[in-house]
C-alpha atoms as a PDB file:
ATOM      1  CA  UNK A   1       6.875   5.364 -41.724  1.00  0.00           C
ATOM      2  CA  UNK A   2       9.441   2.488 -40.819  1.00  0.00           C
ATOM      3  CA  UNK A   3      11.026   4.604 -38.121  1.00  0.00           C
ATOM      4  CA  UNK A   4       7.753   4.975 -36.303  1.00  0.00           C
ATOM      5  CA  UNK A   5       7.858   1.177 -35.006  1.00  0.00           C
ATOM      6  CA  UNK A   6      10.134   1.968 -31.983  1.00  0.00           C
ATOM      7  CA  UNK A   7       7.851   4.642 -30.694  1.00  0.00           C
ATOM      8  CA  UNK A   8       4.550   2.565 -31.324  1.00  0.00           C
ATOM      9  CA  UNK A   9       6.165  -0.324 -29.285  1.00  0.00           C
ATOM     10  CA  UNK A  10       7.087   2.306 -26.586  1.00  0.00           C
ATOM     11  CA  UNK A  11       3.690   3.643 -26.687  1.00  0.00           C
ATOM     12  CA  UNK A  12       1.994   0.224 -26.400  1.00  0.00           C
ATOM     13  CA  UNK A  13       4.219  -0.668 -23.447  1.00  0.00           C
ATOM     14  CA  UNK A  14       3.522   2.635 -21.454  1.00  0.00           C
ATOM     15  CA  UNK A  15      -0.113   2.213 -22.166  1.00  0.00           C
ATOM     16  CA  UNK A  16      -0.226  -1.334 -20.846  1.00  0.00           C
ATOM     17  CA  UNK A  17       1.975  -0.891 -18.022  1.00  0.00           C
ATOM     18  CA  UNK A  18       0.243   2.309 -16.429  1.00  0.00           C
ATOM     19  CA  UNK A  19      -3.200   0.709 -17.204  1.00  0.00           C
ATOM     20  CA  UNK A  20      -1.927  -2.555 -15.571  1.00  0.00           C
ATOM     21  CA  UNK A  21      -0.310  -0.762 -12.473  1.00  0.00           C
ATOM     22  CA  UNK A  22      -3.230   1.443 -11.703  1.00  0.00           C
ATOM     23  CA  UNK A  23      -5.632  -1.358 -11.744  1.00  0.00           C
ATOM     24  CA  UNK A  24      -3.533  -3.548  -9.802  1.00  0.00           C
ATOM     25  CA  UNK A  25      -3.309  -1.072  -7.154  1.00  0.00           C
ATOM     26  CA  UNK A  26      -6.997  -0.782  -7.161  1.00  0.00           C
ATOM     27  CA  UNK A  27      -6.888  -4.599  -6.714  1.00  0.00           C
ATOM     28  CA  UNK A  28      -4.389  -4.691  -3.805  1.00  0.00           C
ATOM     29  CA  UNK A  29      -6.903  -2.625  -1.935  1.00  0.00           C
ATOM     30  CA  UNK A  30      -9.642  -5.135  -2.529  1.00  0.00           C
ATOM     31  CA  UNK A  31      -7.197  -7.778  -1.380  1.00  0.00           C
ATOM     32  CA  UNK A  32      -6.287  -5.905   1.495  1.00  0.00           C
ATOM     33  CA  UNK A  33     -10.216  -4.991   2.613  1.00  0.00           C
ATOM     34  CA  UNK A  34     -11.368  -8.430   1.664  1.00  0.00           C
ATOM     35  CA  UNK A  35     -14.225  -9.460  -0.520  1.00  0.00           C
ATOM     36  CA  UNK A  36     -17.026  -8.243   1.667  1.00  0.00           C
ATOM     37  CA  UNK A  37     -18.037  -5.340  -0.180  1.00  0.00           C
ATOM     38  CA  UNK A  38     -17.822  -7.364  -3.717  1.00  0.00           C
ATOM     39  CA  UNK A  39     -19.827 -10.294  -2.396  1.00  0.00           C
ATOM     40  CA  UNK A  40     -22.548  -7.862  -0.917  1.00  0.00           C
ATOM     41  CA  UNK A  41     -23.075  -6.231  -4.529  1.00  0.00           C
ATOM     42  CA  UNK A  42     -23.097  -9.442  -6.252  1.00  0.00           C
ATOM     43  CA  UNK A  43     -25.497 -11.140  -3.967  1.00  0.00           C
ATOM     44  CA  UNK A  44     -27.852  -7.989  -3.887  1.00  0.00           C
ATOM     45  CA  UNK A  45     -27.897  -8.226  -7.726  1.00  0.00           C
ATOM     46  CA  UNK A  46     -29.243 -11.928  -7.447  1.00  0.00           C
ATOM     47  CA  UNK A  47     -25.786 -13.303  -8.645  1.00  0.00           C
ATOM     48  CA  UNK A  48     -23.947 -16.239  -7.172  1.00  0.00           C
ATOM     49  CA  UNK A  49     -21.565 -15.021  -4.570  1.00  0.00           C
ATOM     50  CA  UNK A  50     -18.517 -17.099  -6.460  1.00  0.00           C
ATOM     51  CA  UNK A  51     -18.921 -14.473  -9.134  1.00  0.00           C
ATOM     52  CA  UNK A  52     -17.284 -11.831  -6.451  1.00  0.00           C
ATOM     53  CA  UNK A  53     -13.992 -13.463  -6.706  1.00  0.00           C
ATOM     54  CA  UNK A  54     -13.713 -12.758 -10.586  1.00  0.00           C
ATOM     55  CA  UNK A  55     -12.783  -9.096  -9.188  1.00  0.00           C
ATOM     56  CA  UNK A  56      -9.526 -10.689  -8.192  1.00  0.00           C
ATOM     57  CA  UNK A  57      -8.907 -11.965 -11.639  1.00  0.00           C
ATOM     58  CA  UNK A  58      -9.733  -8.787 -13.309  1.00  0.00           C
ATOM     59  CA  UNK A  59      -7.992  -6.525 -10.894  1.00  0.00           C
ATOM     60  CA  UNK A  60      -4.783  -8.603  -9.697  1.00  0.00           C
ATOM     61  CA  UNK A  61      -4.257 -11.210 -12.337  1.00  0.00           C
ATOM     62  CA  UNK A  62      -5.127  -9.561 -15.530  1.00  0.00           C
ATOM     63  CA  UNK A  63      -3.160  -6.319 -14.444  1.00  0.00           C
ATOM     64  CA  UNK A  64       0.033  -8.382 -13.831  1.00  0.00           C
ATOM     65  CA  UNK A  65      -0.399 -10.103 -17.255  1.00  0.00           C
ATOM     66  CA  UNK A  66      -0.672  -6.510 -18.750  1.00  0.00           C
ATOM     67  CA  UNK A  67       2.506  -5.358 -16.940  1.00  0.00           C
ATOM     68  CA  UNK A  68       4.471  -8.132 -18.149  1.00  0.00           C
ATOM     69  CA  UNK A  69       2.910  -8.130 -21.701  1.00  0.00           C
ATOM     70  CA  UNK A  70       1.905 -11.863 -21.606  1.00  0.00           C
ATOM     71  CA  UNK A  71      -1.226 -12.694 -23.060  1.00  0.00           C
ATOM     72  CA  UNK A  72      -2.130  -8.917 -23.165  1.00  0.00           C
ATOM     73  CA  UNK A  73      -5.028  -9.043 -25.398  1.00  0.00           C
ATOM     74  CA  UNK A  74      -6.885 -11.500 -23.110  1.00  0.00           C
ATOM     75  CA  UNK A  75      -5.880  -9.776 -20.265  1.00  0.00           C
ATOM     76  CA  UNK A  76      -7.237  -6.504 -21.668  1.00  0.00           C
ATOM     77  CA  UNK A  77     -10.372  -8.123 -22.438  1.00  0.00           C
ATOM     78  CA  UNK A  78     -10.869  -9.676 -19.040  1.00  0.00           C
ATOM     79  CA  UNK A  79     -10.260  -5.859 -17.581  1.00  0.00           C
ATOM     80  CA  UNK A  80     -13.058  -4.696 -20.119  1.00  0.00           C
ATOM     81  CA  UNK A  81     -15.660  -7.250 -18.564  1.00  0.00           C
ATOM     82  CA  UNK A  82     -14.462  -6.469 -15.071  1.00  0.00           C
ATOM     83  CA  UNK A  83     -15.264  -2.634 -15.860  1.00  0.00           C
ATOM     84  CA  UNK A  84     -18.336  -3.321 -17.399  1.00  0.00           C
ATOM     85  CA  UNK A  85     -19.647  -5.432 -14.566  1.00  0.00           C
ATOM     86  CA  UNK A  86     -18.413  -2.828 -12.025  1.00  0.00           C
ATOM     87  CA  UNK A  87     -20.170  -0.151 -13.887  1.00  0.00           C
ATOM     88  CA  UNK A  88     -23.185  -2.027 -14.364  1.00  0.00           C
ATOM     89  CA  UNK A  89     -23.510  -3.250 -10.506  1.00  0.00           C
ATOM     90  CA  UNK A  90     -22.054  -0.463  -8.668  1.00  0.00           C
ATOM     91  CA  UNK A  91     -21.700   2.967 -10.854  1.00  0.00           C
ATOM     92  CA  UNK A  92     -24.891   2.680 -12.890  1.00  0.00           C
ATOM     93  CA  UNK A  93     -26.446   5.531 -11.136  1.00  0.00           C
ATOM     94  CA  UNK A  94     -23.322   7.766 -11.826  1.00  0.00           C
ATOM     95  CA  UNK A  95     -23.569   7.605 -15.655  1.00  0.00           C
ATOM     96  CA  UNK A  96     -25.002  10.959 -16.419  1.00  0.00           C
ATOM     97  CA  UNK A  97     -23.534  12.604 -13.095  1.00  0.00           C
ATOM     98  CA  UNK A  98     -20.616  15.031 -12.471  1.00  0.00           C
ATOM     99  CA  UNK A  99     -18.382  14.741  -9.987  1.00  0.00           C
ATOM    100  CA  UNK A 100     -18.275  17.186  -6.879  1.00  0.00           C
ATOM    101  CA  UNK A 101     -14.733  18.020  -7.957  1.00  0.00           C
ATOM    102  CA  UNK A 102     -15.929  18.743 -11.518  1.00  0.00           C
ATOM    103  CA  UNK A 103     -15.584  16.293 -14.328  1.00  0.00           C
ATOM    104  CA  UNK A 104     -17.602  13.153 -15.031  1.00  0.00           C
ATOM    105  CA  UNK A 105     -18.139  11.062 -12.099  1.00  0.00           C
ATOM    106  CA  UNK A 106     -16.927   7.914 -14.125  1.00  0.00           C
ATOM    107  CA  UNK A 107     -13.825   9.278 -15.519  1.00  0.00           C
ATOM    108  CA  UNK A 108     -11.376   6.849 -13.882  1.00  0.00           C
ATOM    109  CA  UNK A 109     -13.768   3.857 -15.189  1.00  0.00           C
ATOM    110  CA  UNK A 110     -14.128   5.230 -18.473  1.00  0.00           C
ATOM    111  CA  UNK A 111     -10.243   5.343 -18.678  1.00  0.00           C
ATOM    112  CA  UNK A 112      -9.599   2.204 -17.566  1.00  0.00           C
ATOM    113  CA  UNK A 113     -12.279   0.651 -19.789  1.00  0.00           C
ATOM    114  CA  UNK A 114     -10.815   2.523 -22.825  1.00  0.00           C
ATOM    115  CA  UNK A 115      -7.484   1.945 -22.291  1.00  0.00           C
ATOM    116  CA  UNK A 116      -8.028  -1.910 -21.820  1.00  0.00           C
ATOM    117  CA  UNK A 117     -10.194  -1.623 -24.990  1.00  0.00           C
ATOM    118  CA  UNK A 118      -7.111  -0.142 -26.739  1.00  0.00           C
ATOM    119  CA  UNK A 119      -4.659  -2.697 -25.516  1.00  0.00           C
ATOM    120  CA  UNK A 120      -7.019  -5.210 -26.603  1.00  0.00           C
ATOM    121  CA  UNK A 121      -6.891  -3.959 -30.174  1.00  0.00           C
ATOM    122  CA  UNK A 122      -3.392  -2.988 -30.391  1.00  0.00           C
ATOM    123  CA  UNK A 123      -1.710  -5.966 -28.834  1.00  0.00           C
ATOM    124  CA  UNK A 124       1.466  -5.880 -26.210  1.00  0.00           C
ATOM    125  CA  UNK A 125       3.943  -4.600 -28.979  1.00  0.00           C
ATOM    126  CA  UNK A 126       7.652  -5.840 -29.057  1.00  0.00           C
ATOM    127  CA  UNK A 127       8.490  -4.586 -25.616  1.00  0.00           C
ATOM    128  CA  UNK A 128       6.823  -7.509 -23.721  1.00  0.00           C
ATOM    129  CA  UNK A 129       7.294 -10.817 -22.483  1.00  0.00           C
ATOM    130  CA  UNK A 130       5.303 -12.446 -24.723  1.00  0.00           C
ATOM    131  CA  UNK A 131       6.590 -10.559 -27.722  1.00  0.00           C
ATOM    132  CA  UNK A 132       4.915  -9.329 -30.854  1.00  0.00           C
ATOM    133  CA  UNK A 133       4.181 -12.843 -32.356  1.00  0.00           C
ATOM    134  CA  UNK A 134       2.495 -14.265 -29.544  1.00  0.00           C
ATOM    135  CA  UNK A 135      -1.258 -15.582 -30.464  1.00  0.00           C
ATOM    136  CA  UNK A 136      -2.831 -13.445 -27.697  1.00  0.00           C
ATOM    137  CA  UNK A 137      -0.279 -10.632 -27.625  1.00  0.00           C
END
């Protein structure tokens, strides 16, 4: 199966770039709107307000690292934590719900979480800034 390495690297690149781009767009909307909603959710949960700014690490910094393929495993784990916190603080009531348009209410969150887990396990691949030999790639 030596011929499969280029397609595996391309698949890893597509996965991390699409995941990074979609989460980055989500983060950019939070940059534009400001931290108000996130700080409100964090403080209502009894957590320190400073934790609200972690959303920018999980939805802006980590996605940029994923797109570049630099420290991709770490970036993916940050996205995993970000998604778990988002589900725990905002979406927990939707866990067993169906969406009005059909499907599961948390499809997007589940896809982000699953994609990030996959990148954390697979690494960035050769088509990345960090290369295949990077310790956290």
